[in-house]
Amino acid sequence: MRQPSSAIWFDGYVRTYHELDLLDLATISSLPDFRAESRAQQRFRGIQQRVPPAGVAPPPMSGRL
């Protein structure tokens, strides 16, 4: 019998979690440092999302005022 697509997706998700995420988590030696780094990365991503990429002109304001 064929598995539904949701079951196939979930199997892949669990496999990825076991093969990749747990290996990454096993390398953490200091939980406080890990948390601080995670918070810093989140703040940096927030700043990146608010700042337009260099060399890209903002859209014109004509017609908006």
C-alpha atoms as a PDB file:
ATOM      1  CA  MET A   1       0.000   0.000   0.000  1.00  0.00           C
ATOM      2  CA  ARG A   2       1.252   3.474  -0.877  1.00  0.00           C
ATOM      3  CA  GLN A   3       1.901   6.011   1.904  1.00  0.00           C
ATOM      4  CA  PRO A   4       0.036   9.328   1.764  1.00  0.00           C
ATOM      5  CA  SER A   5       2.207  12.320   0.842  1.00  0.00           C
ATOM      6  CA  SER A   6       1.995  13.692   4.404  1.00  0.00           C
ATOM      7  CA  ALA A   7       3.499  10.470   5.772  1.00  0.00           C
ATOM      8  CA  ILE A   8       6.312  10.601   3.215  1.00  0.00           C
ATOM      9  CA  TRP A   9       7.005  14.243   4.133  1.00  0.00           C
ATOM     10  CA  PHE A  10       7.022  13.439   7.853  1.00  0.00           C
ATOM     11  CA  ASP A  11       9.400  10.503   7.364  1.00  0.00           C
ATOM     12  CA  GLY A  12      11.799  12.824   5.531  1.00  0.00           C
ATOM     13  CA  TYR A  13      11.452  15.440   8.251  1.00  0.00           C
ATOM     14  CA  VAL A  14      12.271  12.917  10.996  1.00  0.00           C
ATOM     15  CA  ARG A  15      15.204  11.535   8.982  1.00  0.00           C
ATOM     16  CA  THR A  16      16.611  15.045   8.484  1.00  0.00           C
ATOM     17  CA  TYR A  17      16.159  15.817  12.185  1.00  0.00           C
ATOM     18  CA  HIS A  18      18.020  12.683  13.208  1.00  0.00           C
ATOM     19  CA  GLU A  19      20.760  12.912  10.615  1.00  0.00           C
ATOM     20  CA  LEU A  20      21.501  16.625  10.665  1.00  0.00           C
ATOM     21  CA  ASP A  21      19.928  18.545  13.504  1.00  0.00           C
ATOM     22  CA  LEU A  22      20.893  16.155  16.288  1.00  0.00           C
ATOM     23  CA  LEU A  23      24.490  16.086  15.058  1.00  0.00           C
ATOM     24  CA  ASP A  24      24.578  19.892  15.114  1.00  0.00           C
ATOM     25  CA  LEU A  25      23.026  20.016  18.577  1.00  0.00           C
ATOM     26  CA  ALA A  26      25.564  17.500  19.873  1.00  0.00           C
ATOM     27  CA  THR A  27      28.384  19.957  19.110  1.00  0.00           C
ATOM     28  CA  ILE A  28      27.013  22.645  21.465  1.00  0.00           C
ATOM     29  CA  SER A  29      29.323  22.881  24.449  1.00  0.00           C
ATOM     30  CA  SER A  30      27.801  25.922  26.182  1.00  0.00           C
ATOM     31  CA  LEU A  31      24.049  26.462  26.185  1.00  0.00           C
ATOM     32  CA  PRO A  32      24.239  30.107  27.394  1.00  0.00           C
ATOM     33  CA  ASP A  33      26.680  30.962  24.582  1.00  0.00           C
ATOM     34  CA  PHE A  34      24.470  29.162  22.056  1.00  0.00           C
ATOM     35  CA  ARG A  35      21.399  31.110  23.197  1.00  0.00           C
ATOM     36  CA  ALA A  36      23.259  34.429  23.055  1.00  0.00           C
ATOM     37  CA  GLU A  37      24.506  33.657  19.538  1.00  0.00           C
ATOM     38  CA  SER A  38      21.005  32.658  18.428  1.00  0.00           C
ATOM     39  CA  ARG A  39      19.541  35.915  19.744  1.00  0.00           C
ATOM     40  CA  ALA A  40      22.280  37.930  18.014  1.00  0.00           C
ATOM     41  CA  GLN A  41      21.572  36.169  14.714  1.00  0.00           C
ATOM     42  CA  GLN A  42      17.843  36.878  15.044  1.00  0.00           C
ATOM     43  CA  ARG A  43      18.517  40.579  15.663  1.00  0.00           C
ATOM     44  CA  PHE A  44      20.884  40.704  12.680  1.00  0.00           C
ATOM     45  CA  ARG A  45      18.296  39.055  10.411  1.00  0.00           C
ATOM     46  CA  GLY A  46      15.734  41.621  11.548  1.00  0.00           C
ATOM     47  CA  ILE A  47      18.097  44.456  10.652  1.00  0.00           C
ATOM     48  CA  GLN A  48      18.836  42.893   7.257  1.00  0.00           C
ATOM     49  CA  GLN A  49      15.140  42.706   6.447  1.00  0.00           C
ATOM     50  CA  ARG A  50      14.629  46.409   7.183  1.00  0.00           C
ATOM     51  CA  VAL A  51      17.628  47.681   5.174  1.00  0.00           C
ATOM     52  CA  PRO A  52      17.361  47.668   1.363  1.00  0.00           C
ATOM     53  CA  PRO A  53      20.201  45.884  -0.457  1.00  0.00           C
ATOM     54  CA  ALA A  54      23.111  48.101  -1.521  1.00  0.00           C
ATOM     55  CA  GLY A  55      22.868  49.404  -5.049  1.00  0.00           C
ATOM     56  CA  VAL A  56      19.105  49.017  -5.269  1.00  0.00           C
ATOM     57  CA  ALA A  57      17.165  52.236  -5.660  1.00  0.00           C
ATOM     58  CA  PRO A  58      13.980  52.596  -3.644  1.00  0.00           C
ATOM     59  CA  PRO A  59      10.752  52.699  -5.645  1.00  0.00           C
ATOM     60  CA  PRO A  60       9.728  56.161  -6.838  1.00  0.00           C
ATOM     61  CA  MET A  61       7.351  58.124  -4.614  1.00  0.00           C
ATOM     62  CA  SER A  62       5.450  59.747  -7.500  1.00  0.00           C
ATOM     63  CA  GLY A  63       1.789  58.879  -7.365  1.00  0.00           C
ATOM     64  CA  ARG A  64       1.927  57.914  -3.704  1.00  0.00           C
ATOM     65  CA  LEU A  65       1.562  61.373  -2.211  1.00  0.00           C
END
